[in-house]
Amino acid sequence: MTGRWRSLQIVQLRASILGFALVAVTLAGCRGVEAPYPPGARPEVADLMAATAPTLESVTVPRAKVRRGGGPAANLMLVAQAPARFSGTIQISGHELVTLAVNEAAYGLRWIGGRDDDDNLAPGYYTGPPSRCAVETLLGVSLEPAAFVDLILGGAPVIDGPHEILDRRWDRRAERERLTIANPAYRQELAFAWIDGHWQFAGATLWALRGAEPTWLWTIDHEELRTVGQHVLPAKTQIRRPKPRGRGELVINITFINQVPNPILGAALSADPPIDAIDVPVNAGDTWDDDWDDDDDDDEPAPDPTPVGVVEPPPIPPQFRGNPAGLVPRGDLCAGRP
């Protein structure tokens, strides 16, 4: 009997030790990770704000997956160029649902359909001046085109200054430095990750300051960051915003499968864009109007039609121009909207 009693005590002791270990691990998890800087040595606000600048001039995302709520995953292709050009296509099983191209002059929206929250939008081609409304049709977040491009290029959509600094703290559980700023119209929380000795933008939340309480507008969270070449870019991003008419949240998850930093632009948007530099043919600047047989060096060159002192802007690459082919013209979807 004594032996059995001792065995029972040993079992209980081992269970107690295991229980204490589990509690210790749980408490450590709750405490999270300490800040990557000594106490009292917070990062300067200027250093954090500098990390909101884009790290790229352009990027191509040949392959990504996008999922809205609990719906099926769709294929996403994106290309963006600073300061405010981008184009994106969402497809399911090779069938186009929506394509949006935005440049400094206009947006072009090819709307085929397939989103539950936009059943009233008729299929067709919509075009008008670039706007926040046009950006929202692609991924559901209302941003100025330049702010959306900053986000795709590794930067942050930051509210206009001057900014009032409301809070600055280290979030142990999320392993993020959080900076809260405000202007008379908005309050914004910016999140930063400490990666390879520098701060990297990792997410933002925006509230509108109207009425008695701030109104939440959206949250963007880079849940995972990775190094692509010499640049840190998002690997997984979640976008959340309120659904219309107070029906809960719209949650969009994006997984970036492949990203090409600073690609050569000019070809059509494709799932297999050129990654390495392409040799430019000797006659790349020639056109059908050139006289290829005229080798007479004595002929005077044709006069330049461009007035002296006027610099012609470079042409907009084809990726950023809308394509209305095969669709009914629908006018400006965003007329009268911001």
Protein backbone atom coordinates (compact mmCIF):
# COMPACT_ATOMS: atom_id res chain seq x y z
CA MET A 1 0.00 0.00 0.00
CA THR A 2 2.88 2.28 0.89
CA GLY A 3 4.51 1.67 -2.52
CA ARG A 4 1.30 2.53 -4.34
CA TRP A 5 0.93 5.69 -2.28
CA ARG A 6 4.48 6.77 -3.13
CA SER A 7 3.85 6.10 -6.83
CA LEU A 8 0.72 8.22 -6.69
CA GLN A 9 2.65 11.02 -5.01
CA ILE A 10 5.32 10.87 -7.72
CA VAL A 11 2.69 11.05 -10.46
CA GLN A 12 1.04 14.02 -8.77
CA LEU A 13 4.39 15.76 -8.35
CA ARG A 14 5.25 15.29 -12.02
CA ALA A 15 1.82 16.63 -13.01
CA SER A 16 2.35 19.66 -10.79
CA ILE A 17 5.78 20.35 -12.31
CA LEU A 18 4.32 20.00 -15.82
CA GLY A 19 1.45 22.31 -14.88
CA PHE A 20 3.83 24.94 -13.51
CA ALA A 21 5.90 24.70 -16.73
CA LEU A 22 2.82 25.18 -18.90
CA VAL A 23 1.76 28.19 -16.83
CA ALA A 24 5.25 29.68 -17.14
CA VAL A 25 5.23 29.23 -20.91
CA THR A 26 1.75 30.74 -21.15
CA LEU A 27 2.74 33.73 -19.04
CA ALA A 28 5.87 34.24 -21.14
CA GLY A 29 3.72 34.16 -24.27
CA CYS A 30 1.35 36.71 -22.77
CA ARG A 31 4.25 38.99 -21.90
CA GLY A 32 5.48 38.76 -25.47
CA VAL A 33 8.83 39.98 -26.80
CA GLU A 34 10.79 42.82 -25.28
CA ALA A 35 11.48 45.94 -27.33
CA PRO A 36 14.62 45.88 -29.52
CA TYR A 37 15.95 48.95 -27.70
CA PRO A 38 16.91 49.64 -24.06
CA PRO A 39 14.36 51.14 -21.66
CA GLY A 40 14.18 54.89 -22.07
CA ALA A 41 15.75 54.76 -25.55
CA ARG A 42 12.64 54.92 -27.70
CA PRO A 43 13.14 55.42 -31.44
CA GLU A 44 12.81 58.98 -32.66
CA VAL A 45 9.50 59.87 -34.30
CA ALA A 46 11.46 61.20 -37.28
CA ASP A 47 13.11 57.78 -37.76
CA LEU A 48 9.75 56.02 -37.69
CA MET A 49 8.18 58.48 -40.12
CA ALA A 50 11.16 58.04 -42.44
CA ALA A 51 10.29 54.32 -42.57
CA THR A 52 6.92 55.19 -44.14
CA ALA A 53 8.62 56.19 -47.41
CA PRO A 54 8.42 53.66 -50.28
CA THR A 55 11.57 51.60 -50.79
CA LEU A 56 10.95 50.97 -54.52
CA GLU A 57 10.30 53.01 -57.66
CA SER A 58 8.17 50.25 -59.15
CA VAL A 59 7.17 46.65 -58.56
CA THR A 60 5.47 43.83 -60.41
CA VAL A 61 3.49 41.18 -58.54
CA PRO A 62 3.10 38.39 -61.11
CA ARG A 63 1.39 36.02 -58.71
CA ALA A 64 -0.63 36.63 -55.57
CA LYS A 65 -3.71 35.13 -53.95
CA VAL A 66 -6.57 37.24 -52.65
CA ARG A 67 -9.43 35.97 -50.52
CA ARG A 68 -12.46 38.01 -49.44
CA GLY A 69 -13.87 36.73 -46.15
CA GLY A 70 -14.64 33.04 -46.41
CA GLY A 71 -14.97 33.10 -50.20
CA PRO A 72 -12.78 31.27 -52.70
CA ALA A 73 -9.22 32.42 -53.31
CA ALA A 74 -8.69 34.38 -56.52
CA ASN A 75 -5.54 35.14 -58.49
CA LEU A 76 -4.20 38.69 -58.28
CA MET A 77 -1.66 40.39 -60.54
CA LEU A 78 -0.38 43.87 -59.75
CA VAL A 79 2.07 46.38 -61.16
CA ALA A 80 2.80 49.78 -59.63
CA GLN A 81 5.04 52.74 -60.41
CA ALA A 82 5.68 55.86 -58.33
CA PRO A 83 4.15 58.24 -57.77
CA ALA A 84 0.58 57.22 -58.67
CA ARG A 85 0.38 54.60 -61.44
CA PHE A 86 -0.85 51.07 -60.91
CA SER A 87 -2.82 48.29 -62.54
CA GLY A 88 -4.34 45.18 -61.05
CA THR A 89 -6.36 42.19 -62.25
CA ILE A 90 -8.35 39.67 -60.19
CA GLN A 91 -9.17 36.34 -61.81
CA ILE A 92 -10.76 33.06 -60.77
CA SER A 93 -9.84 29.94 -62.75
CA GLY A 94 -8.46 32.14 -65.52
CA HIS A 95 -11.64 34.22 -65.83
CA GLU A 96 -11.29 37.97 -65.34
CA LEU A 97 -13.45 39.50 -62.61
CA VAL A 98 -12.09 43.02 -62.45
CA THR A 99 -9.17 44.97 -63.89
CA LEU A 100 -8.29 48.49 -62.80
CA ALA A 101 -5.65 50.70 -64.41
CA VAL A 102 -4.85 54.12 -62.93
CA ASN A 103 -2.45 56.79 -64.15
CA GLU A 104 -2.07 60.53 -63.54
CA ALA A 105 -4.78 61.39 -66.06
CA ALA A 106 -7.52 58.76 -65.68
CA TYR A 107 -8.63 55.40 -64.38
CA GLY A 108 -10.03 52.59 -66.48
CA LEU A 109 -12.12 49.89 -64.80
CA ARG A 110 -13.08 46.66 -66.51
CA TRP A 111 -15.90 45.27 -64.37
CA ILE A 112 -17.05 41.75 -65.15
CA GLY A 113 -18.67 41.09 -61.76
CA GLY A 114 -18.54 38.56 -58.99
CA ARG A 115 -18.43 40.50 -55.71
CA ASP A 116 -21.24 40.05 -53.22
CA ASP A 117 -21.01 43.61 -51.92
CA ASP A 118 -21.32 45.19 -55.36
CA ASP A 119 -24.25 43.32 -56.92
CA ASN A 120 -25.73 46.58 -58.21
CA LEU A 121 -22.69 47.43 -60.34
CA ALA A 122 -23.44 46.56 -63.97
CA PRO A 123 -20.72 44.81 -66.00
CA GLY A 124 -18.94 47.19 -68.35
CA TYR A 125 -16.09 49.66 -68.72
CA TYR A 126 -15.92 52.65 -66.38
CA THR A 127 -13.53 55.58 -66.74
CA GLY A 128 -12.93 59.00 -65.26
CA PRO A 129 -10.37 61.06 -63.32
CA PRO A 130 -8.24 59.10 -60.82
CA SER A 131 -9.85 58.98 -57.38
CA ARG A 132 -10.11 57.14 -54.06
CA CYS A 133 -13.35 55.59 -55.27
CA ALA A 134 -11.57 53.93 -58.20
CA VAL A 135 -8.91 52.43 -55.91
CA GLU A 136 -11.60 50.99 -53.64
CA THR A 137 -13.11 48.92 -56.47
CA LEU A 138 -10.04 46.69 -56.65
CA LEU A 139 -9.26 45.67 -53.07
CA GLY A 140 -11.89 47.40 -51.00
CA VAL A 141 -9.81 50.07 -49.24
CA SER A 142 -10.44 53.78 -49.90
CA LEU A 143 -7.05 55.38 -50.61
CA GLU A 144 -5.75 58.09 -52.87
CA PRO A 145 -3.95 56.48 -55.85
CA ALA A 146 -0.58 57.83 -54.68
CA ALA A 147 -1.15 56.42 -51.17
CA PHE A 148 -2.12 53.01 -52.59
CA VAL A 149 1.00 52.98 -54.76
CA ASP A 150 3.13 53.89 -51.72
CA LEU A 151 1.66 50.86 -49.95
CA ILE A 152 2.46 48.49 -52.84
CA LEU A 153 6.00 49.88 -53.06
CA GLY A 154 6.77 49.12 -49.41
CA GLY A 155 5.69 52.44 -47.91
CA ALA A 156 2.71 53.64 -45.90
CA PRO A 157 -0.46 55.61 -46.63
CA VAL A 158 0.07 58.47 -44.16
CA ILE A 159 -2.48 61.18 -43.35
CA ASP A 160 -1.64 64.75 -44.29
CA GLY A 161 0.38 66.83 -41.83
CA PRO A 162 1.07 68.63 -39.67
CA HIS A 163 0.72 65.73 -37.25
CA GLU A 164 0.01 65.71 -33.55
CA ILE A 165 1.81 62.85 -31.78
CA LEU A 166 -0.72 61.11 -29.54
CA ASP A 167 1.07 57.93 -28.46
CA ARG A 168 4.21 55.88 -29.01
CA ARG A 169 4.72 52.40 -27.52
CA TRP A 170 6.15 48.91 -28.06
CA ASP A 171 3.53 46.18 -28.59
CA ARG A 172 5.12 43.06 -27.08
CA ARG A 173 2.60 40.55 -28.35
CA ALA A 174 2.63 41.79 -31.96
CA GLU A 175 6.35 42.70 -31.87
CA ARG A 176 5.58 46.10 -33.35
CA GLU A 177 6.41 49.69 -32.47
CA ARG A 178 3.16 51.67 -32.63
CA LEU A 179 2.96 55.39 -33.34
CA THR A 180 -0.39 57.21 -33.17
CA ILE A 181 -0.70 60.53 -35.00
CA ALA A 182 -3.59 62.84 -35.81
CA ASN A 183 -4.63 65.88 -37.82
CA PRO A 184 -7.93 67.78 -37.52
CA ALA A 185 -9.77 65.21 -39.68
CA TYR A 186 -8.16 61.83 -38.94
CA ARG A 187 -6.38 59.74 -36.34
CA GLN A 188 -3.94 57.07 -37.53
CA GLU A 189 -1.91 54.36 -35.86
CA LEU A 190 1.22 53.25 -37.71
CA ALA A 191 2.99 49.96 -36.93
CA PHE A 192 6.68 49.23 -37.51
CA ALA A 193 8.75 46.03 -37.34
CA TRP A 194 12.44 45.94 -36.42
CA ILE A 195 14.16 44.02 -39.24
CA ASP A 196 17.91 43.71 -39.82
CA GLY A 197 18.72 46.80 -37.81
CA HIS A 198 16.12 49.18 -39.21
CA TRP A 199 12.44 50.02 -38.85
CA GLN A 200 10.07 48.75 -41.53
CA PHE A 201 6.46 49.85 -42.02
CA ALA A 202 4.19 46.95 -41.06
CA GLY A 203 0.63 48.26 -40.92
CA ALA A 204 -1.78 51.11 -40.23
CA THR A 205 -5.27 51.83 -38.89
CA LEU A 206 -7.30 54.92 -39.77
CA TRP A 207 -10.18 56.61 -37.91
CA ALA A 208 -12.21 59.62 -39.04
CA LEU A 209 -12.66 62.32 -36.38
CA ARG A 210 -16.29 63.20 -36.82
CA GLY A 211 -19.02 63.16 -34.21
CA ALA A 212 -18.56 62.29 -30.57
CA GLU A 213 -16.46 59.15 -31.22
CA PRO A 214 -13.80 58.38 -33.85
CA THR A 215 -15.12 56.28 -36.74
CA TRP A 216 -12.97 53.32 -37.78
CA LEU A 217 -12.36 53.34 -41.56
CA TRP A 218 -9.83 50.58 -42.24
CA THR A 219 -6.89 48.53 -40.96
CA ILE A 220 -3.99 47.28 -43.07
CA ASP A 221 -1.71 44.71 -41.43
CA HIS A 222 1.40 43.22 -43.04
CA GLU A 223 1.19 39.97 -41.08
CA GLU A 224 4.43 38.68 -42.59
CA LEU A 225 7.39 40.53 -44.12
CA ARG A 226 10.23 39.06 -46.17
CA THR A 227 13.40 40.15 -47.96
CA VAL A 228 13.24 40.23 -51.77
CA GLY A 229 16.65 41.06 -53.15
CA GLN A 230 17.77 44.03 -51.06
CA HIS A 231 14.24 45.13 -50.16
CA VAL A 232 11.81 44.19 -47.39
CA LEU A 233 8.32 43.63 -48.80
CA PRO A 234 5.06 42.19 -47.44
CA ALA A 235 4.54 38.46 -47.83
CA LYS A 236 1.04 38.38 -46.28
CA THR A 237 -1.28 41.36 -45.87
CA GLN A 238 -4.72 41.60 -44.30
CA ILE A 239 -7.10 44.49 -45.05
CA ARG A 240 -10.18 45.04 -42.88
CA ARG A 241 -12.88 47.65 -43.14
CA PRO A 242 -16.54 48.00 -42.08
CA LYS A 243 -19.09 46.54 -44.45
CA PRO A 244 -21.69 48.95 -45.85
CA ARG A 245 -24.77 49.53 -43.73
CA GLY A 246 -23.17 48.17 -40.58
CA ARG A 247 -23.07 44.49 -41.52
CA GLY A 248 -19.81 43.62 -39.78
CA GLU A 249 -16.35 43.64 -41.33
CA LEU A 250 -15.04 42.98 -44.82
CA VAL A 251 -11.78 41.01 -44.47
CA ILE A 252 -9.39 40.65 -47.39
CA ASN A 253 -6.27 38.46 -47.16
CA ILE A 254 -3.51 38.77 -49.75
CA THR A 255 -0.60 36.34 -50.09
CA PHE A 256 2.21 37.62 -52.32
CA ILE A 257 3.72 34.60 -54.06
CA ASN A 258 6.18 36.48 -56.27
CA GLN A 259 7.37 40.09 -56.37
CA VAL A 260 9.80 41.70 -58.82
CA PRO A 261 11.36 44.92 -57.44
CA ASN A 262 12.01 47.76 -59.91
CA PRO A 263 11.16 45.82 -63.11
CA ILE A 264 11.46 47.05 -66.67
CA LEU A 265 8.04 48.43 -67.56
CA GLY A 266 6.43 48.61 -70.97
CA ALA A 267 5.21 45.10 -71.75
CA ALA A 268 1.68 43.88 -71.07
CA LEU A 269 0.85 42.78 -67.53
CA SER A 270 1.57 39.05 -67.34
CA ALA A 271 1.92 36.28 -64.82
CA ASP A 272 5.46 35.73 -66.17
CA PRO A 273 7.06 39.19 -66.56
CA PRO A 274 10.74 39.62 -67.42
CA ILE A 275 12.84 39.61 -64.27
CA ASP A 276 16.29 40.23 -65.73
CA ALA A 277 17.21 43.26 -67.80
CA ILE A 278 16.34 42.96 -71.47
CA ASP A 279 18.84 44.00 -74.17
CA VAL A 280 17.44 46.93 -76.13
CA PRO A 281 17.66 46.45 -79.93
CA VAL A 282 19.75 48.94 -81.84
CA ASN A 283 16.68 50.14 -83.75
CA ALA A 284 14.42 50.28 -80.70
CA GLY A 285 13.61 53.94 -81.32
CA ASP A 286 12.74 53.48 -85.00
CA THR A 287 9.16 53.67 -86.23
CA TRP A 288 7.40 52.93 -89.52
CA ASP A 289 7.74 56.63 -90.36
CA ASP A 290 11.54 56.45 -90.36
CA ASP A 291 13.27 56.35 -93.76
CA TRP A 292 15.44 53.29 -93.25
CA ASP A 293 16.98 53.59 -96.76
CA ASP A 294 18.09 57.19 -96.33
CA ASP A 295 21.79 57.08 -95.50
CA ASP A 296 22.59 60.58 -96.80
CA ASP A 297 24.33 62.36 -93.96
CA ASP A 298 24.11 65.68 -95.83
CA ASP A 299 20.30 65.95 -95.52
CA GLU A 300 19.11 68.43 -92.94
CA PRO A 301 17.26 66.83 -90.03
CA ALA A 302 13.53 67.39 -89.79
CA PRO A 303 12.58 70.24 -87.47
CA ASP A 304 11.64 69.29 -83.92
CA PRO A 305 7.92 70.04 -83.46
CA THR A 306 8.42 70.48 -79.70
CA PRO A 307 8.72 74.18 -78.77
CA VAL A 308 12.05 75.26 -77.31
CA GLY A 309 12.09 74.92 -73.53
CA VAL A 310 9.12 72.51 -73.42
CA VAL A 311 9.86 69.00 -72.14
CA GLU A 312 7.47 66.35 -73.41
CA PRO A 313 6.40 63.93 -70.64
CA PRO A 314 7.39 60.30 -71.22
CA PRO A 315 4.57 58.11 -72.56
CA ILE A 316 2.48 56.18 -70.06
CA PRO A 317 3.41 52.46 -70.20
CA PRO A 318 0.58 50.26 -71.51
CA GLN A 319 0.08 48.56 -68.12
CA PHE A 320 -1.36 51.75 -66.69
CA ARG A 321 -3.81 52.52 -69.49
CA GLY A 322 -7.36 51.16 -69.42
CA ASN A 323 -8.66 48.72 -72.03
CA PRO A 324 -12.38 48.99 -72.89
CA ALA A 325 -12.32 46.18 -75.48
CA GLY A 326 -15.42 43.99 -75.45
CA LEU A 327 -17.29 45.90 -72.73
CA VAL A 328 -20.20 48.34 -72.70
CA PRO A 329 -19.11 51.95 -71.90
CA ARG A 330 -20.58 52.93 -68.51
CA GLY A 331 -19.10 56.39 -67.90
CA ASP A 332 -17.54 57.51 -64.61
CA LEU A 333 -18.36 55.21 -61.72
CA CYS A 334 -16.92 57.74 -59.29
CA ALA A 335 -18.66 60.93 -60.49
CA GLY A 336 -19.55 63.02 -57.47
CA ARG A 337 -17.58 60.76 -55.11
CA PRO A 338 -14.12 61.41 -53.60
